[in-house]
């Protein structure tokens, strides 16, 4: 039985705050947000626009430190929550592909 404070996720999350660039696949429109956390299977970020579940985004981040390398990947949106300010969104995505 899991205790209340035990982690249930398959991959450990690392809190990271850095700029994240994103674009819907096959779209010329690009925007940016702020990365909140990252794991080997997904990420969470803060953005000023909402997405439908299942939307595919191309994301690029460069944390600017030696602990976390740059990432260029495709994610599938799996969760969208309205932020406390009611004007922005906390978005979670599952990494579907690492782009080279």
PDB file of N, CA and C in Angstrom:
ATOM      1  N   UNK A   1       0.837  -1.177   0.000  1.00  0.00           N
ATOM      2  CA  UNK A   1       0.000   0.000   0.000  1.00  0.00           C
ATOM      3  C   UNK A   1       0.888   1.249   0.000  1.00  0.00           C
ATOM      4  N   UNK A   2       0.518   2.211  -0.831  1.00  0.00           N
ATOM      5  CA  UNK A   2       1.288   3.440  -0.912  1.00  0.00           C
ATOM      6  C   UNK A   2       0.932   4.383   0.228  1.00  0.00           C
ATOM      7  N   UNK A   3       1.932   5.006   0.778  1.00  0.00           N
ATOM      8  CA  UNK A   3       1.688   6.052   1.755  1.00  0.00           C
ATOM      9  C   UNK A   3       1.303   7.320   1.016  1.00  0.00           C
ATOM     10  N   UNK A   4       0.676   8.229   1.708  1.00  0.00           N
ATOM     11  CA  UNK A   4       0.195   9.462   1.091  1.00  0.00           C
ATOM     12  C   UNK A   4       1.310  10.252   0.415  1.00  0.00           C
ATOM     13  N   UNK A   5       2.502  10.250   0.970  1.00  0.00           N
ATOM     14  CA  UNK A   5       3.582  11.068   0.426  1.00  0.00           C
ATOM     15  C   UNK A   5       4.489  10.319  -0.550  1.00  0.00           C
ATOM     16  N   UNK A   6       4.181   9.063  -0.879  1.00  0.00           N
ATOM     17  CA  UNK A   6       5.013   8.315  -1.812  1.00  0.00           C
ATOM     18  C   UNK A   6       4.726   8.744  -3.248  1.00  0.00           C
ATOM     19  N   UNK A   7       5.771   8.839  -4.047  1.00  0.00           N
ATOM     20  CA  UNK A   7       5.654   9.210  -5.454  1.00  0.00           C
ATOM     21  C   UNK A   7       5.087   8.037  -6.243  1.00  0.00           C
ATOM     22  N   UNK A   8       4.052   8.287  -7.034  1.00  0.00           N
ATOM     23  CA  UNK A   8       3.418   7.240  -7.831  1.00  0.00           C
ATOM     24  C   UNK A   8       3.807   7.299  -9.297  1.00  0.00           C
ATOM     25  N   UNK A   9       4.510   8.326  -9.704  1.00  0.00           N
ATOM     26  CA  UNK A   9       4.869   8.476 -11.105  1.00  0.00           C
ATOM     27  C   UNK A   9       5.962   7.488 -11.482  1.00  0.00           C
ATOM     28  N   UNK A  10       5.956   7.109 -12.759  1.00  0.00           N
ATOM     29  CA  UNK A  10       6.963   6.174 -13.259  1.00  0.00           C
ATOM     30  C   UNK A  10       8.328   6.832 -13.402  1.00  0.00           C
ATOM     31  N   UNK A  11       8.340   8.145 -13.625  1.00  0.00           N
ATOM     32  CA  UNK A  11       9.602   8.859 -13.825  1.00  0.00           C
ATOM     33  C   UNK A  11       9.693  10.026 -12.843  1.00  0.00           C
ATOM     34  N   UNK A  12      10.860  10.195 -12.268  1.00  0.00           N
ATOM     35  CA  UNK A  12      11.115  11.276 -11.327  1.00  0.00           C
ATOM     36  C   UNK A  12      11.048  12.622 -12.034  1.00  0.00           C
ATOM     37  N   UNK A  13      10.353  13.586 -11.446  1.00  0.00           N
ATOM     38  CA  UNK A  13      10.282  14.935 -11.990  1.00  0.00           C
ATOM     39  C   UNK A  13      11.363  15.809 -11.364  1.00  0.00           C
ATOM     40  N   UNK A  14      11.913  16.687 -12.183  1.00  0.00           N
ATOM     41  CA  UNK A  14      12.906  17.647 -11.719  1.00  0.00           C
ATOM     42  C   UNK A  14      12.329  19.041 -11.945  1.00  0.00           C
ATOM     43  N   UNK A  15      12.286  19.841 -10.883  1.00  0.00           N
ATOM     44  CA  UNK A  15      11.819  21.216 -11.016  1.00  0.00           C
ATOM     45  C   UNK A  15      12.847  22.015 -11.803  1.00  0.00           C
ATOM     46  N   UNK A  16      12.390  22.623 -12.890  1.00  0.00           N
ATOM     47  CA  UNK A  16      13.254  23.416 -13.750  1.00  0.00           C
ATOM     48  C   UNK A  16      12.456  24.640 -14.172  1.00  0.00           C
ATOM     49  N   UNK A  17      13.047  25.800 -14.064  1.00  0.00           N
ATOM     50  CA  UNK A  17      12.392  27.018 -14.531  1.00  0.00           C
ATOM     51  C   UNK A  17      13.249  27.634 -15.616  1.00  0.00           C
ATOM     52  N   UNK A  18      12.734  27.594 -16.843  1.00  0.00           N
ATOM     53  CA  UNK A  18      13.427  28.216 -17.967  1.00  0.00           C
ATOM     54  C   UNK A  18      12.416  28.477 -19.073  1.00  0.00           C
ATOM     55  N   UNK A  19      12.829  29.258 -20.045  1.00  0.00           N
ATOM     56  CA  UNK A  19      11.971  29.561 -21.184  1.00  0.00           C
ATOM     57  C   UNK A  19      11.787  28.309 -22.033  1.00  0.00           C
ATOM     58  N   UNK A  20      10.570  28.149 -22.524  1.00  0.00           N
ATOM     59  CA  UNK A  20      10.216  27.024 -23.382  1.00  0.00           C
ATOM     60  C   UNK A  20       9.558  27.603 -24.627  1.00  0.00           C
ATOM     61  N   UNK A  21      10.066  27.274 -25.804  1.00  0.00           N
ATOM     62  CA  UNK A  21       9.441  27.685 -27.059  1.00  0.00           C
ATOM     63  C   UNK A  21       8.594  26.527 -27.556  1.00  0.00           C
ATOM     64  N   UNK A  22       7.403  26.839 -28.077  1.00  0.00           N
ATOM     65  CA  UNK A  22       6.529  25.775 -28.561  1.00  0.00           C
ATOM     66  C   UNK A  22       5.735  26.227 -29.775  1.00  0.00           C
ATOM     67  N   UNK A  23       5.303  25.246 -30.551  1.00  0.00           N
ATOM     68  CA  UNK A  23       4.451  25.492 -31.718  1.00  0.00           C
ATOM     69  C   UNK A  23       3.634  24.236 -31.967  1.00  0.00           C
ATOM     70  N   UNK A  24       2.378  24.429 -32.345  1.00  0.00           N
ATOM     71  CA  UNK A  24       1.589  23.271 -32.754  1.00  0.00           C
ATOM     72  C   UNK A  24       2.234  22.690 -33.993  1.00  0.00           C
ATOM     73  N   UNK A  25       2.184  21.368 -34.109  1.00  0.00           N
ATOM     74  CA  UNK A  25       2.763  20.736 -35.290  1.00  0.00           C
ATOM     75  C   UNK A  25       2.095  21.293 -36.540  1.00  0.00           C
ATOM     76  N   UNK A  26       2.885  21.478 -37.584  1.00  0.00           N
ATOM     77  CA  UNK A  26       2.422  21.984 -38.875  1.00  0.00           C
ATOM     78  C   UNK A  26       1.872  23.403 -38.792  1.00  0.00           C
ATOM     79  N   UNK A  27       2.359  24.183 -37.854  1.00  0.00           N
ATOM     80  CA  UNK A  27       1.930  25.565 -37.724  1.00  0.00           C
ATOM     81  C   UNK A  27       3.150  26.474 -37.734  1.00  0.00           C
ATOM     82  N   UNK A  28       3.031  27.614 -38.381  1.00  0.00           N
ATOM     83  CA  UNK A  28       4.123  28.588 -38.398  1.00  0.00           C
ATOM     84  C   UNK A  28       4.101  29.469 -37.148  1.00  0.00           C
ATOM     85  N   UNK A  29       2.979  29.476 -36.431  1.00  0.00           N
ATOM     86  CA  UNK A  29       2.826  30.296 -35.230  1.00  0.00           C
ATOM     87  C   UNK A  29       3.638  29.702 -34.092  1.00  0.00           C
ATOM     88  N   UNK A  30       4.530  30.496 -33.507  1.00  0.00           N
ATOM     89  CA  UNK A  30       5.350  30.041 -32.380  1.00  0.00           C
ATOM     90  C   UNK A  30       5.089  30.937 -31.193  1.00  0.00           C
ATOM     91  N   UNK A  31       5.224  30.368 -30.008  1.00  0.00           N
ATOM     92  CA  UNK A  31       5.020  31.123 -28.780  1.00  0.00           C
ATOM     93  C   UNK A  31       5.987  30.597 -27.740  1.00  0.00           C
ATOM     94  N   UNK A  32       5.983  31.193 -26.561  1.00  0.00           N
ATOM     95  CA  UNK A  32       6.851  30.688 -25.503  1.00  0.00           C
ATOM     96  C   UNK A  32       6.104  30.665 -24.185  1.00  0.00           C
ATOM     97  N   UNK A  33       6.624  29.846 -23.312  1.00  0.00           N
ATOM     98  CA  UNK A  33       6.082  29.702 -21.974  1.00  0.00           C
ATOM     99  C   UNK A  33       7.227  29.500 -21.005  1.00  0.00           C
ATOM    100  N   UNK A  34       6.890  29.069 -19.806  1.00  0.00           N
ATOM    101  CA  UNK A  34       7.901  28.816 -18.784  1.00  0.00           C
ATOM    102  C   UNK A  34       7.812  27.374 -18.333  1.00  0.00           C
ATOM    103  N   UNK A  35       8.904  26.649 -18.479  1.00  0.00           N
ATOM    104  CA  UNK A  35       8.963  25.264 -18.046  1.00  0.00           C
ATOM    105  C   UNK A  35       8.890  25.207 -16.530  1.00  0.00           C
ATOM    106  N   UNK A  36       8.069  24.303 -15.996  1.00  0.00           N
ATOM    107  CA  UNK A  36       7.949  24.116 -14.545  1.00  0.00           C
ATOM    108  C   UNK A  36       8.719  22.901 -14.063  1.00  0.00           C
ATOM    109  N   UNK A  37       8.570  21.793 -14.792  1.00  0.00           N
ATOM    110  CA  UNK A  37       9.301  20.585 -14.423  1.00  0.00           C
ATOM    111  C   UNK A  37       9.468  19.688 -15.633  1.00  0.00           C
ATOM    112  N   UNK A  38      10.380  18.730 -15.480  1.00  0.00           N
ATOM    113  CA  UNK A  38      10.784  17.875 -16.583  1.00  0.00           C
ATOM    114  C   UNK A  38      11.084  16.487 -16.046  1.00  0.00           C
ATOM    115  N   UNK A  39      10.722  15.476 -16.809  1.00  0.00           N
ATOM    116  CA  UNK A  39      11.091  14.104 -16.475  1.00  0.00           C
ATOM    117  C   UNK A  39      11.517  13.417 -17.764  1.00  0.00           C
ATOM    118  N   UNK A  40      11.871  12.156 -17.678  1.00  0.00           N
ATOM    119  CA  UNK A  40      12.273  11.429 -18.880  1.00  0.00           C
ATOM    120  C   UNK A  40      11.082  11.124 -19.776  1.00  0.00           C
ATOM    121  N   UNK A  41       9.868  11.250 -19.260  1.00  0.00           N
ATOM    122  CA  UNK A  41       8.674  10.917 -20.048  1.00  0.00           C
ATOM    123  C   UNK A  41       7.779  12.103 -20.360  1.00  0.00           C
ATOM    124  N   UNK A  42       8.027  13.262 -19.742  1.00  0.00           N
ATOM    125  CA  UNK A  42       7.141  14.387 -19.993  1.00  0.00           C
ATOM    126  C   UNK A  42       7.628  15.673 -19.368  1.00  0.00           C
ATOM    127  N   UNK A  43       6.776  16.688 -19.480  1.00  0.00           N
ATOM    128  CA  UNK A  43       7.112  17.989 -18.912  1.00  0.00           C
ATOM    129  C   UNK A  43       5.838  18.743 -18.593  1.00  0.00           C
ATOM    130  N   UNK A  44       5.993  19.781 -17.777  1.00  0.00           N
ATOM    131  CA  UNK A  44       4.880  20.675 -17.457  1.00  0.00           C
ATOM    132  C   UNK A  44       5.373  22.098 -17.644  1.00  0.00           C
ATOM    133  N   UNK A  45       4.490  22.939 -18.207  1.00  0.00           N
ATOM    134  CA  UNK A  45       4.871  24.332 -18.434  1.00  0.00           C
ATOM    135  C   UNK A  45       3.675  25.250 -18.266  1.00  0.00           C
ATOM    136  N   UNK A  46       3.966  26.517 -18.169  1.00  0.00           N
ATOM    137  CA  UNK A  46       2.980  27.574 -17.981  1.00  0.00           C
ATOM    138  C   UNK A  46       2.904  28.357 -19.292  1.00  0.00           C
ATOM    139  N   UNK A  47       1.672  28.584 -19.798  1.00  0.00           N
ATOM    140  CA  UNK A  47       1.493  29.294 -21.066  1.00  0.00           C
ATOM    141  C   UNK A  47       0.283  30.210 -21.000  1.00  0.00           C
ATOM    142  N   UNK A  48       0.217  31.135 -21.941  1.00  0.00           N
ATOM    143  CA  UNK A  48      -0.897  32.073 -21.997  1.00  0.00           C
ATOM    144  C   UNK A  48      -2.005  31.617 -22.931  1.00  0.00           C
ATOM    145  N   UNK A  49      -1.899  30.416 -23.461  1.00  0.00           N
ATOM    146  CA  UNK A  49      -2.944  29.894 -24.322  1.00  0.00           C
ATOM    147  C   UNK A  49      -3.307  28.473 -23.919  1.00  0.00           C
ATOM    148  N   UNK A  50      -4.531  28.111 -24.231  1.00  0.00           N
ATOM    149  CA  UNK A  50      -5.068  26.813 -23.864  1.00  0.00           C
ATOM    150  C   UNK A  50      -4.995  25.874 -25.061  1.00  0.00           C
ATOM    151  N   UNK A  51      -4.814  24.583 -24.798  1.00  0.00           N
ATOM    152  CA  UNK A  51      -4.781  23.581 -25.862  1.00  0.00           C
ATOM    153  C   UNK A  51      -5.753  22.461 -25.536  1.00  0.00           C
ATOM    154  N   UNK A  52      -6.250  21.820 -26.572  1.00  0.00           N
ATOM    155  CA  UNK A  52      -7.104  20.643 -26.413  1.00  0.00           C
ATOM    156  C   UNK A  52      -6.224  19.452 -26.038  1.00  0.00           C
ATOM    157  N   UNK A  53      -6.775  18.539 -25.258  1.00  0.00           N
ATOM    158  CA  UNK A  53      -6.061  17.314 -24.943  1.00  0.00           C
ATOM    159  C   UNK A  53      -5.767  16.570 -26.238  1.00  0.00           C
ATOM    160  N   UNK A  54      -4.585  15.988 -26.326  1.00  0.00           N
ATOM    161  CA  UNK A  54      -4.185  15.258 -27.519  1.00  0.00           C
ATOM    162  C   UNK A  54      -3.452  16.099 -28.554  1.00  0.00           C
ATOM    163  N   UNK A  55      -3.443  17.431 -28.382  1.00  0.00           N
ATOM    164  CA  UNK A  55      -2.728  18.301 -29.310  1.00  0.00           C
ATOM    165  C   UNK A  55      -1.237  17.980 -29.269  1.00  0.00           C
ATOM    166  N   UNK A  56      -0.601  17.951 -30.428  1.00  0.00           N
ATOM    167  CA  UNK A  56       0.840  17.727 -30.509  1.00  0.00           C
ATOM    168  C   UNK A  56       1.559  19.058 -30.656  1.00  0.00           C
ATOM    169  N   UNK A  57       2.546  19.268 -29.806  1.00  0.00           N
ATOM    170  CA  UNK A  57       3.363  20.484 -29.847  1.00  0.00           C
ATOM    171  C   UNK A  57       4.824  20.114 -30.050  1.00  0.00           C
ATOM    172  N   UNK A  58       5.517  20.902 -30.860  1.00  0.00           N
ATOM    173  CA  UNK A  58       6.974  20.812 -30.938  1.00  0.00           C
ATOM    174  C   UNK A  58       7.506  21.795 -29.901  1.00  0.00           C
ATOM    175  N   UNK A  59       8.349  21.316 -29.001  1.00  0.00           N
ATOM    176  CA  UNK A  59       8.882  22.156 -27.933  1.00  0.00           C
ATOM    177  C   UNK A  59      10.401  22.179 -27.995  1.00  0.00           C
ATOM    178  N   UNK A  60      10.942  23.319 -27.607  1.00  0.00           N
ATOM    179  CA  UNK A  60      12.394  23.481 -27.550  1.00  0.00           C
ATOM    180  C   UNK A  60      12.739  24.230 -26.273  1.00  0.00           C
ATOM    181  N   UNK A  61      13.721  23.696 -25.555  1.00  0.00           N
ATOM    182  CA  UNK A  61      14.175  24.403 -24.371  1.00  0.00           C
ATOM    183  C   UNK A  61      15.678  24.311 -24.266  1.00  0.00           C
ATOM    184  N   UNK A  62      16.226  25.364 -23.695  1.00  0.00           N
ATOM    185  CA  UNK A  62      17.655  25.430 -23.446  1.00  0.00           C
ATOM    186  C   UNK A  62      17.833  25.997 -22.050  1.00  0.00           C
ATOM    187  N   UNK A  63      17.919  25.113 -21.030  1.00  0.00           N
ATOM    188  CA  UNK A  63      17.979  25.578 -19.647  1.00  0.00           C
ATOM    189  C   UNK A  63      19.169  26.454 -19.312  1.00  0.00           C
ATOM    190  N   UNK A  64      20.206  26.419 -20.127  1.00  0.00           N
ATOM    191  CA  UNK A  64      21.347  27.297 -19.885  1.00  0.00           C
ATOM    192  C   UNK A  64      22.231  26.855 -18.733  1.00  0.00           C
ATOM    193  N   UNK A  65      22.181  25.569 -18.394  1.00  0.00           N
ATOM    194  CA  UNK A  65      23.089  25.047 -17.371  1.00  0.00           C
ATOM    195  C   UNK A  65      23.612  23.692 -17.817  1.00  0.00           C
ATOM    196  N   UNK A  66      24.591  23.178 -17.123  1.00  0.00           N
ATOM    197  CA  UNK A  66      25.192  21.910 -17.523  1.00  0.00           C
ATOM    198  C   UNK A  66      24.472  20.701 -16.935  1.00  0.00           C
ATOM    199  N   UNK A  67      23.551  20.917 -16.023  1.00  0.00           N
ATOM    200  CA  UNK A  67      22.829  19.796 -15.414  1.00  0.00           C
ATOM    201  C   UNK A  67      21.748  19.228 -16.322  1.00  0.00           C
ATOM    202  N   UNK A  68      21.115  20.103 -17.097  1.00  0.00           N
ATOM    203  CA  UNK A  68      20.025  19.673 -17.973  1.00  0.00           C
ATOM    204  C   UNK A  68      20.362  20.107 -19.389  1.00  0.00           C
ATOM    205  N   UNK A  69      20.495  19.144 -20.304  1.00  0.00           N
ATOM    206  CA  UNK A  69      20.848  19.500 -21.677  1.00  0.00           C
ATOM    207  C   UNK A  69      19.658  20.119 -22.415  1.00  0.00           C
ATOM    208  N   UNK A  70      19.918  20.812 -23.533  1.00  0.00           N
ATOM    209  CA  UNK A  70      18.830  21.332 -24.353  1.00  0.00           C
ATOM    210  C   UNK A  70      17.927  20.193 -24.816  1.00  0.00           C
ATOM    211  N   UNK A  71      16.684  20.508 -25.093  1.00  0.00           N
ATOM    212  CA  UNK A  71      15.723  19.496 -25.524  1.00  0.00           C
ATOM    213  C   UNK A  71      14.924  20.026 -26.699  1.00  0.00           C
ATOM    214  N   UNK A  72      14.787  19.217 -27.720  1.00  0.00           N
ATOM    215  CA  UNK A  72      13.940  19.494 -28.884  1.00  0.00           C
ATOM    216  C   UNK A  72      13.071  18.249 -29.024  1.00  0.00           C
ATOM    217  N   UNK A  73      11.777  18.378 -28.744  1.00  0.00           N
ATOM    218  CA  UNK A  73      10.917  17.197 -28.680  1.00  0.00           C
ATOM    219  C   UNK A  73       9.506  17.517 -29.148  1.00  0.00           C
ATOM    220  N   UNK A  74       8.736  16.466 -29.346  1.00  0.00           N
ATOM    221  CA  UNK A  74       7.306  16.573 -29.613  1.00  0.00           C
ATOM    222  C   UNK A  74       6.593  16.032 -28.390  1.00  0.00           C
ATOM    223  N   UNK A  75       5.571  16.768 -27.930  1.00  0.00           N
ATOM    224  CA  UNK A  75       4.787  16.310 -26.786  1.00  0.00           C
ATOM    225  C   UNK A  75       3.314  16.232 -27.168  1.00  0.00           C
ATOM    226  N   UNK A  76       2.609  15.373 -26.469  1.00  0.00           N
ATOM    227  CA  UNK A  76       1.158  15.280 -26.579  1.00  0.00           C
ATOM    228  C   UNK A  76       0.566  15.859 -25.306  1.00  0.00           C
ATOM    229  N   UNK A  77      -0.341  16.822 -25.438  1.00  0.00           N
ATOM    230  CA  UNK A  77      -0.959  17.452 -24.277  1.00  0.00           C
ATOM    231  C   UNK A  77      -1.845  16.438 -23.555  1.00  0.00           C
ATOM    232  N   UNK A  78      -1.576  16.244 -22.251  1.00  0.00           N
ATOM    233  CA  UNK A  78      -2.368  15.293 -21.465  1.00  0.00           C
ATOM    234  C   UNK A  78      -3.137  15.948 -20.325  1.00  0.00           C
ATOM    235  N   UNK A  79      -2.810  17.213 -20.022  1.00  0.00           N
ATOM    236  CA  UNK A  79      -3.548  17.920 -18.971  1.00  0.00           C
ATOM    237  C   UNK A  79      -3.432  19.422 -19.190  1.00  0.00           C
ATOM    238  N   UNK A  80      -4.547  20.129 -18.985  1.00  0.00           N
ATOM    239  CA  UNK A  80      -4.572  21.589 -19.066  1.00  0.00           C
ATOM    240  C   UNK A  80      -5.394  22.090 -17.883  1.00  0.00           C
ATOM    241  N   UNK A  81      -4.776  22.886 -17.034  1.00  0.00           N
ATOM    242  CA  UNK A  81      -5.457  23.469 -15.876  1.00  0.00           C
ATOM    243  C   UNK A  81      -5.349  24.984 -15.957  1.00  0.00           C
ATOM    244  N   UNK A  82      -6.432  25.663 -15.613  1.00  0.00           N
ATOM    245  CA  UNK A  82      -6.403  27.119 -15.546  1.00  0.00           C
ATOM    246  C   UNK A  82      -5.602  27.538 -14.321  1.00  0.00           C
ATOM    247  N   UNK A  83      -4.717  28.514 -14.499  1.00  0.00           N
ATOM    248  CA  UNK A  83      -3.911  29.021 -13.382  1.00  0.00           C
ATOM    249  C   UNK A  83      -4.767  29.823 -12.420  1.00  0.00           C
ATOM    250  N   UNK A  84      -4.218  30.109 -11.265  1.00  0.00           N
ATOM    251  CA  UNK A  84      -4.931  30.895 -10.258  1.00  0.00           C
ATOM    252  C   UNK A  84      -5.309  32.287 -10.757  1.00  0.00           C
ATOM    253  N   UNK A  85      -4.515  32.841 -11.680  1.00  0.00           N
ATOM    254  CA  UNK A  85      -4.818  34.177 -12.198  1.00  0.00           C
ATOM    255  C   UNK A  85      -5.981  34.176 -13.194  1.00  0.00           C
ATOM    256  N   UNK A  86      -6.459  32.990 -13.576  1.00  0.00           N
ATOM    257  CA  UNK A  86      -7.582  32.793 -14.504  1.00  0.00           C
ATOM    258  C   UNK A  86      -7.319  33.328 -15.913  1.00  0.00           C
ATOM    259  N   UNK A  87      -6.048  33.661 -16.224  1.00  0.00           N
ATOM    260  CA  UNK A  87      -5.702  34.180 -17.545  1.00  0.00           C
ATOM    261  C   UNK A  87      -4.623  33.363 -18.233  1.00  0.00           C
ATOM    262  N   UNK A  88      -4.092  32.363 -17.567  1.00  0.00           N
ATOM    263  CA  UNK A  88      -3.043  31.541 -18.150  1.00  0.00           C
ATOM    264  C   UNK A  88      -3.289  30.086 -17.754  1.00  0.00           C
ATOM    265  N   UNK A  89      -2.432  29.197 -18.245  1.00  0.00           N
ATOM    266  CA  UNK A  89      -2.688  27.765 -18.100  1.00  0.00           C
ATOM    267  C   UNK A  89      -1.440  27.007 -17.691  1.00  0.00           C
ATOM    268  N   UNK A  90      -1.641  25.979 -16.883  1.00  0.00           N
ATOM    269  CA  UNK A  90      -0.593  25.019 -16.550  1.00  0.00           C
ATOM    270  C   UNK A  90      -0.854  23.799 -17.418  1.00  0.00           C
ATOM    271  N   UNK A  91       0.127  23.432 -18.214  1.00  0.00           N
ATOM    272  CA  UNK A  91      -0.042  22.399 -19.229  1.00  0.00           C
ATOM    273  C   UNK A  91       0.963  21.280 -18.990  1.00  0.00           C
ATOM    274  N   UNK A  92       0.491  20.050 -19.100  1.00  0.00           N
ATOM    275  CA  UNK A  92       1.360  18.884 -18.978  1.00  0.00           C
ATOM    276  C   UNK A  92       1.356  18.127 -20.290  1.00  0.00           C
ATOM    277  N   UNK A  93       2.522  17.650 -20.680  1.00  0.00           N
ATOM    278  CA  UNK A  93       2.636  16.902 -21.928  1.00  0.00           C
ATOM    279  C   UNK A  93       3.508  15.678 -21.778  1.00  0.00           C
ATOM    280  N   UNK A  94       3.130  14.651 -22.520  1.00  0.00           N
ATOM    281  CA  UNK A  94       3.907  13.403 -22.576  1.00  0.00           C
ATOM    282  C   UNK A  94       4.824  13.490 -23.782  1.00  0.00           C
ATOM    283  N   UNK A  95       6.109  13.228 -23.584  1.00  0.00           N
ATOM    284  CA  UNK A  95       7.065  13.258 -24.687  1.00  0.00           C
ATOM    285  C   UNK A  95       6.795  12.070 -25.601  1.00  0.00           C
ATOM    286  N   UNK A  96       6.511  12.360 -26.863  1.00  0.00           N
ATOM    287  CA  UNK A  96       6.253  11.289 -27.838  1.00  0.00           C
ATOM    288  C   UNK A  96       7.432  11.049 -28.748  1.00  0.00           C
ATOM    289  N   UNK A  97       8.310  12.064 -28.882  1.00  0.00           N
ATOM    290  CA  UNK A  97       9.457  11.939 -29.775  1.00  0.00           C
ATOM    291  C   UNK A  97      10.523  12.951 -29.380  1.00  0.00           C
ATOM    292  N   UNK A  98      11.767  12.501 -29.401  1.00  0.00           N
ATOM    293  CA  UNK A  98      12.905  13.402 -29.233  1.00  0.00           C
ATOM    294  C   UNK A  98      13.408  13.723 -30.631  1.00  0.00           C
ATOM    295  N   UNK A  99      13.439  14.985 -30.984  1.00  0.00           N
ATOM    296  CA  UNK A  99      13.860  15.411 -32.321  1.00  0.00           C
ATOM    297  C   UNK A  99      15.355  15.725 -32.309  1.00  0.00           C
ATOM    298  N   UNK A 100      16.022  15.372 -33.356  1.00  0.00           N
ATOM    299  CA  UNK A 100      17.475  15.587 -33.427  1.00  0.00           C
ATOM    300  C   UNK A 100      17.809  16.704 -34.354  1.00  0.00           C
TER     301      UNK A 100
END
